[in-house]
Amino acid sequence: FFWQLFLLRQSLIPAEQAARAAFKSANTIEAAERAYVKMSHLPPGLTFDQTSGIIGVNVEVKNFGRTPARITNALLTCVPLANDATLPVVPNYVTRGVPIQALRAFLVTEDHVSNVAMFRGINIADVMSGTVRLTLCGYVDYIDQFGQRHRAGYGRVYDHRLDDLANYVDPQAFSERSNLTF
């Protein structure tokens, strides 16, 4: 009896190995074929309206993957910090976060959607002079075609020197700049 159990177990080993290989292959195919969504910003990055006190950024969400993605949430927060301060370990999305409602969408391959996020209550003069460091943190949540949920993060720092026209040789380069850096 024990010999028969041993032989049965031995005969199942190749089947188990084949099942594991098939599972690994399916996961590899899914990873290669799934949606890959990214949040970014369009040039010039941050814009400032000193009259109204609004800071704006044109945010774009794009699917770089091979299958569609359903965007379920997109959020961006703006964190003003002293130049020597460190970023919080976890961004405060609750009190500072701006949901980007128009970015809820269904994106096919290479498709994108964009909208402007606006922030108030930040001293624009301090940001533009460089005495305050402004950081943007955000994320986009999406569901791929296989029903898996994913989150892609976004983080940039405003560099006030990139908004100085004197640093550019021609107006074209200035108009194509991005004042948000990694």
C-alpha atoms as a PDB file:
ATOM      1  CA  PHE A   1       0.000   0.000   0.000  1.00  0.00           C
ATOM      2  CA  PHE A   2       2.762   2.469   0.918  1.00  0.00           C
ATOM      3  CA  TRP A   3       4.611   1.574  -2.246  1.00  0.00           C
ATOM      4  CA  GLN A   4       1.513   2.378  -4.312  1.00  0.00           C
ATOM      5  CA  LEU A   5       1.120   5.757  -2.566  1.00  0.00           C
ATOM      6  CA  PHE A   6       4.787   6.503  -3.222  1.00  0.00           C
ATOM      7  CA  LEU A   7       4.405   5.670  -6.929  1.00  0.00           C
ATOM      8  CA  LEU A   8       1.211   7.741  -7.170  1.00  0.00           C
ATOM      9  CA  ARG A   9       2.948  10.708  -5.558  1.00  0.00           C
ATOM     10  CA  GLN A  10       5.922  10.342  -7.907  1.00  0.00           C
ATOM     11  CA  SER A  11       3.608  10.301 -10.919  1.00  0.00           C
ATOM     12  CA  LEU A  12       1.958  13.555  -9.805  1.00  0.00           C
ATOM     13  CA  ILE A  13       5.233  15.496  -9.588  1.00  0.00           C
ATOM     14  CA  PRO A  14       5.449  16.185 -13.352  1.00  0.00           C
ATOM     15  CA  ALA A  15       1.793  17.320 -13.366  1.00  0.00           C
ATOM     16  CA  GLU A  16       2.483  19.707 -10.471  1.00  0.00           C
ATOM     17  CA  GLN A  17       5.542  21.087 -12.272  1.00  0.00           C
ATOM     18  CA  ALA A  18       3.513  21.576 -15.465  1.00  0.00           C
ATOM     19  CA  ALA A  19       0.759  23.372 -13.527  1.00  0.00           C
ATOM     20  CA  ARG A  20       3.303  25.712 -11.906  1.00  0.00           C
ATOM     21  CA  ALA A  21       4.880  26.464 -15.292  1.00  0.00           C
ATOM     22  CA  ALA A  22       1.450  27.208 -16.802  1.00  0.00           C
ATOM     23  CA  PHE A  23       0.614  29.527 -13.892  1.00  0.00           C
ATOM     24  CA  LYS A  24       3.916  31.378 -14.293  1.00  0.00           C
ATOM     25  CA  SER A  25       3.357  31.677 -18.050  1.00  0.00           C
ATOM     26  CA  ALA A  26      -0.158  33.085 -17.536  1.00  0.00           C
ATOM     27  CA  ASN A  27       1.149  35.675 -15.063  1.00  0.00           C
ATOM     28  CA  THR A  28       3.911  36.681 -17.478  1.00  0.00           C
ATOM     29  CA  ILE A  29       1.436  37.119 -20.336  1.00  0.00           C
ATOM     30  CA  GLU A  30      -0.886  39.175 -18.131  1.00  0.00           C
ATOM     31  CA  ALA A  31       1.991  41.438 -17.038  1.00  0.00           C
ATOM     32  CA  ALA A  32       3.052  41.950 -20.655  1.00  0.00           C
ATOM     33  CA  GLU A  33      -0.467  42.653 -21.900  1.00  0.00           C
ATOM     34  CA  ARG A  34      -1.955  44.721 -19.082  1.00  0.00           C
ATOM     35  CA  ALA A  35      -2.529  48.471 -18.941  1.00  0.00           C
ATOM     36  CA  TYR A  36       0.241  50.716 -17.599  1.00  0.00           C
ATOM     37  CA  VAL A  37      -1.099  54.148 -16.665  1.00  0.00           C
ATOM     38  CA  LYS A  38       1.024  57.156 -15.736  1.00  0.00           C
ATOM     39  CA  MET A  39       0.254  60.637 -14.405  1.00  0.00           C
ATOM     40  CA  SER A  40       2.328  63.509 -15.740  1.00  0.00           C
ATOM     41  CA  HIS A  41       2.049  67.237 -16.384  1.00  0.00           C
ATOM     42  CA  LEU A  42       2.104  69.290 -19.559  1.00  0.00           C
ATOM     43  CA  PRO A  43       4.490  72.220 -20.205  1.00  0.00           C
ATOM     44  CA  PRO A  44       5.230  74.566 -18.616  1.00  0.00           C
ATOM     45  CA  GLY A  45       4.241  72.776 -15.397  1.00  0.00           C
ATOM     46  CA  LEU A  46       3.012  75.156 -12.714  1.00  0.00           C
ATOM     47  CA  THR A  47       1.316  78.388 -13.726  1.00  0.00           C
ATOM     48  CA  PHE A  48       0.618  81.259 -11.357  1.00  0.00           C
ATOM     49  CA  ASP A  49      -2.229  83.772 -11.308  1.00  0.00           C
ATOM     50  CA  GLN A  50      -1.105  86.336  -8.762  1.00  0.00           C
ATOM     51  CA  THR A  51      -4.370  88.297  -9.043  1.00  0.00           C
ATOM     52  CA  SER A  52      -6.558  85.395  -7.902  1.00  0.00           C
ATOM     53  CA  GLY A  53      -3.866  83.572  -5.899  1.00  0.00           C
ATOM     54  CA  ILE A  54      -4.363  80.358  -7.888  1.00  0.00           C
ATOM     55  CA  ILE A  55      -1.597  77.943  -8.790  1.00  0.00           C
ATOM     56  CA  GLY A  56      -2.505  75.632 -11.655  1.00  0.00           C
ATOM     57  CA  VAL A  57      -1.025  72.597 -13.350  1.00  0.00           C
ATOM     58  CA  ASN A  58      -2.317  70.794 -16.427  1.00  0.00           C
ATOM     59  CA  VAL A  59      -2.304  67.104 -15.454  1.00  0.00           C
ATOM     60  CA  GLU A  60      -2.327  64.313 -18.013  1.00  0.00           C
ATOM     61  CA  VAL A  61      -3.074  60.632 -17.432  1.00  0.00           C
ATOM     62  CA  LYS A  62      -2.006  58.248 -20.200  1.00  0.00           C
ATOM     63  CA  ASN A  63      -2.236  54.491 -20.794  1.00  0.00           C
ATOM     64  CA  PHE A  64       1.065  53.137 -22.114  1.00  0.00           C
ATOM     65  CA  GLY A  65      -0.042  49.505 -21.864  1.00  0.00           C
ATOM     66  CA  ARG A  66      -1.436  47.119 -24.453  1.00  0.00           C
ATOM     67  CA  THR A  67      -4.987  46.767 -23.086  1.00  0.00           C
ATOM     68  CA  PRO A  68      -7.581  49.261 -21.803  1.00  0.00           C
ATOM     69  CA  ALA A  69      -7.648  50.743 -18.309  1.00  0.00           C
ATOM     70  CA  ARG A  70     -10.522  52.183 -16.295  1.00  0.00           C
ATOM     71  CA  ILE A  71      -9.371  55.202 -14.284  1.00  0.00           C
ATOM     72  CA  THR A  72     -11.159  55.156 -10.931  1.00  0.00           C
ATOM     73  CA  ASN A  73      -9.436  57.993  -9.069  1.00  0.00           C
ATOM     74  CA  ALA A  74      -6.844  60.698  -9.626  1.00  0.00           C
ATOM     75  CA  LEU A  75      -5.631  63.000  -6.873  1.00  0.00           C
ATOM     76  CA  LEU A  76      -2.936  65.655  -6.596  1.00  0.00           C
ATOM     77  CA  THR A  77      -1.657  67.558  -3.584  1.00  0.00           C
ATOM     78  CA  CYS A  78       0.569  70.622  -3.336  1.00  0.00           C
ATOM     79  CA  VAL A  79       2.977  70.789  -0.383  1.00  0.00           C
ATOM     80  CA  PRO A  80       4.775  74.079   0.408  1.00  0.00           C
ATOM     81  CA  LEU A  81       7.906  73.493   2.511  1.00  0.00           C
ATOM     82  CA  ALA A  82      10.829  75.486   3.805  1.00  0.00           C
ATOM     83  CA  ASN A  83      13.900  74.805   1.662  1.00  0.00           C
ATOM     84  CA  ASP A  84      15.614  72.848   4.449  1.00  0.00           C
ATOM     85  CA  ALA A  85      12.500  70.838   5.438  1.00  0.00           C
ATOM     86  CA  THR A  86      12.013  67.204   4.516  1.00  0.00           C
ATOM     87  CA  LEU A  87       8.954  65.790   2.837  1.00  0.00           C
ATOM     88  CA  PRO A  88       6.511  63.853   4.995  1.00  0.00           C
ATOM     89  CA  VAL A  89       6.805  60.078   4.685  1.00  0.00           C
ATOM     90  CA  VAL A  90       3.129  59.899   3.676  1.00  0.00           C
ATOM     91  CA  PRO A  91       1.666  62.870   1.774  1.00  0.00           C
ATOM     92  CA  ASN A  92      -1.340  64.539   3.394  1.00  0.00           C
ATOM     93  CA  TYR A  93      -3.938  63.844   0.709  1.00  0.00           C
ATOM     94  CA  VAL A  94      -6.864  64.389   3.095  1.00  0.00           C
ATOM     95  CA  THR A  95      -6.552  68.120   3.754  1.00  0.00           C
ATOM     96  CA  ARG A  96      -4.472  69.216   0.769  1.00  0.00           C
ATOM     97  CA  GLY A  97      -5.494  66.781  -1.936  1.00  0.00           C
ATOM     98  CA  VAL A  98      -7.420  67.942  -4.983  1.00  0.00           C
ATOM     99  CA  PRO A  99      -9.431  65.173  -6.654  1.00  0.00           C
ATOM    100  CA  ILE A 100      -9.143  65.546 -10.403  1.00  0.00           C
ATOM    101  CA  GLN A 101     -12.709  64.498 -11.195  1.00  0.00           C
ATOM    102  CA  ALA A 102     -12.523  64.833 -14.976  1.00  0.00           C
ATOM    103  CA  LEU A 103      -9.790  62.221 -15.079  1.00  0.00           C
ATOM    104  CA  ARG A 104     -12.193  59.358 -14.413  1.00  0.00           C
ATOM    105  CA  ALA A 105     -12.103  57.686 -17.793  1.00  0.00           C
ATOM    106  CA  PHE A 106     -11.747  54.564 -19.892  1.00  0.00           C
ATOM    107  CA  LEU A 107      -8.414  54.681 -21.712  1.00  0.00           C
ATOM    108  CA  VAL A 108      -7.427  52.417 -24.570  1.00  0.00           C
ATOM    109  CA  THR A 109      -3.781  51.919 -25.583  1.00  0.00           C
ATOM    110  CA  GLU A 110      -1.914  55.241 -26.012  1.00  0.00           C
ATOM    111  CA  ASP A 111      -5.066  57.167 -25.046  1.00  0.00           C
ATOM    112  CA  HIS A 112      -4.878  60.055 -22.578  1.00  0.00           C
ATOM    113  CA  VAL A 113      -7.044  62.544 -20.741  1.00  0.00           C
ATOM    114  CA  SER A 114      -6.065  65.808 -19.076  1.00  0.00           C
ATOM    115  CA  ASN A 115      -7.457  68.468 -16.785  1.00  0.00           C
ATOM    116  CA  VAL A 116      -6.200  71.418 -14.760  1.00  0.00           C
ATOM    117  CA  ALA A 117      -5.671  71.033 -11.006  1.00  0.00           C
ATOM    118  CA  MET A 118      -5.821  74.311  -9.070  1.00  0.00           C
ATOM    119  CA  PHE A 119      -4.463  75.180  -5.631  1.00  0.00           C
ATOM    120  CA  ARG A 120      -5.214  78.169  -3.404  1.00  0.00           C
ATOM    121  CA  GLY A 121      -3.904  79.456  -0.101  1.00  0.00           C
ATOM    122  CA  ILE A 122      -0.200  79.296  -0.953  1.00  0.00           C
ATOM    123  CA  ASN A 123       1.972  82.423  -0.993  1.00  0.00           C
ATOM    124  CA  ILE A 124       2.807  82.660  -4.694  1.00  0.00           C
ATOM    125  CA  ALA A 125       5.507  85.316  -4.234  1.00  0.00           C
ATOM    126  CA  ASP A 126       7.440  83.033  -1.846  1.00  0.00           C
ATOM    127  CA  VAL A 127       7.162  80.109  -4.280  1.00  0.00           C
ATOM    128  CA  MET A 128       8.219  82.121  -7.338  1.00  0.00           C
ATOM    129  CA  SER A 129      11.204  83.629  -5.507  1.00  0.00           C
ATOM    130  CA  GLY A 130      12.405  80.248  -4.286  1.00  0.00           C
ATOM    131  CA  THR A 131      12.093  80.990  -0.544  1.00  0.00           C
ATOM    132  CA  VAL A 132       9.475  78.234  -0.305  1.00  0.00           C
ATOM    133  CA  ARG A 133       9.888  74.858  -2.012  1.00  0.00           C
ATOM    134  CA  LEU A 134       6.689  73.616  -3.621  1.00  0.00           C
ATOM    135  CA  THR A 135       6.221  69.872  -4.123  1.00  0.00           C
ATOM    136  CA  LEU A 136       3.434  68.110  -5.994  1.00  0.00           C
ATOM    137  CA  CYS A 137       2.478  64.572  -4.974  1.00  0.00           C
ATOM    138  CA  GLY A 138      -0.299  62.527  -6.439  1.00  0.00           C
ATOM    139  CA  TYR A 139      -1.525  59.249  -7.800  1.00  0.00           C
ATOM    140  CA  VAL A 140      -3.858  57.677 -10.304  1.00  0.00           C
ATOM    141  CA  ASP A 141      -5.825  54.526  -9.470  1.00  0.00           C
ATOM    142  CA  TYR A 142      -6.941  52.250 -12.272  1.00  0.00           C
ATOM    143  CA  ILE A 143      -8.280  48.808 -13.032  1.00  0.00           C
ATOM    144  CA  ASP A 144      -6.743  46.841 -15.876  1.00  0.00           C
ATOM    145  CA  GLN A 145      -8.578  44.572 -18.319  1.00  0.00           C
ATOM    146  CA  PHE A 146      -7.829  41.580 -16.061  1.00  0.00           C
ATOM    147  CA  GLY A 147      -9.683  43.157 -13.124  1.00  0.00           C
ATOM    148  CA  GLN A 148      -6.520  43.981 -11.166  1.00  0.00           C
ATOM    149  CA  ARG A 149      -6.282  47.301  -9.317  1.00  0.00           C
ATOM    150  CA  HIS A 150      -3.122  49.412  -9.650  1.00  0.00           C
ATOM    151  CA  ARG A 151      -1.843  52.772  -8.412  1.00  0.00           C
ATOM    152  CA  ALA A 152       0.733  54.908 -10.204  1.00  0.00           C
ATOM    153  CA  GLY A 153       2.401  57.669  -8.217  1.00  0.00           C
ATOM    154  CA  TYR A 154       3.448  61.147  -9.246  1.00  0.00           C
ATOM    155  CA  GLY A 155       5.897  63.526  -7.576  1.00  0.00           C
ATOM    156  CA  ARG A 156       7.643  66.690  -8.744  1.00  0.00           C
ATOM    157  CA  VAL A 157       9.304  69.779  -7.257  1.00  0.00           C
ATOM    158  CA  TYR A 158       8.871  73.298  -8.636  1.00  0.00           C
ATOM    159  CA  ASP A 159      12.146  74.931  -9.726  1.00  0.00           C
ATOM    160  CA  HIS A 160      11.673  78.710  -9.891  1.00  0.00           C
ATOM    161  CA  ARG A 161      14.915  79.166 -11.892  1.00  0.00           C
ATOM    162  CA  LEU A 162      13.311  77.433 -14.871  1.00  0.00           C
ATOM    163  CA  ASP A 163      10.754  80.263 -15.145  1.00  0.00           C
ATOM    164  CA  ASP A 164      13.476  82.903 -15.691  1.00  0.00           C
ATOM    165  CA  LEU A 165      13.503  83.851 -19.391  1.00  0.00           C
ATOM    166  CA  ALA A 166      17.144  84.991 -19.029  1.00  0.00           C
ATOM    167  CA  ASN A 167      18.170  81.308 -18.673  1.00  0.00           C
ATOM    168  CA  TYR A 168      17.024  80.496 -22.239  1.00  0.00           C
ATOM    169  CA  VAL A 169      18.644  81.271 -25.585  1.00  0.00           C
ATOM    170  CA  ASP A 170      15.384  81.513 -27.501  1.00  0.00           C
ATOM    171  CA  PRO A 171      11.678  82.003 -26.747  1.00  0.00           C
ATOM    172  CA  GLN A 172      10.826  78.578 -28.228  1.00  0.00           C
ATOM    173  CA  ALA A 173      12.905  76.785 -25.576  1.00  0.00           C
ATOM    174  CA  PHE A 174      11.255  78.891 -22.870  1.00  0.00           C
ATOM    175  CA  SER A 175       7.749  78.026 -24.104  1.00  0.00           C
ATOM    176  CA  GLU A 176       8.601  74.280 -24.144  1.00  0.00           C
ATOM    177  CA  ARG A 177      10.140  74.229 -20.644  1.00  0.00           C
ATOM    178  CA  SER A 178       8.947  72.242 -17.677  1.00  0.00           C
ATOM    179  CA  ASN A 179       9.364  73.965 -14.318  1.00  0.00           C
ATOM    180  CA  LEU A 180       8.562  70.755 -12.426  1.00  0.00           C
ATOM    181  CA  THR A 181      11.534  68.469 -11.853  1.00  0.00           C
ATOM    182  CA  PHE A 182      12.102  65.116 -10.182  1.00  0.00           C
END
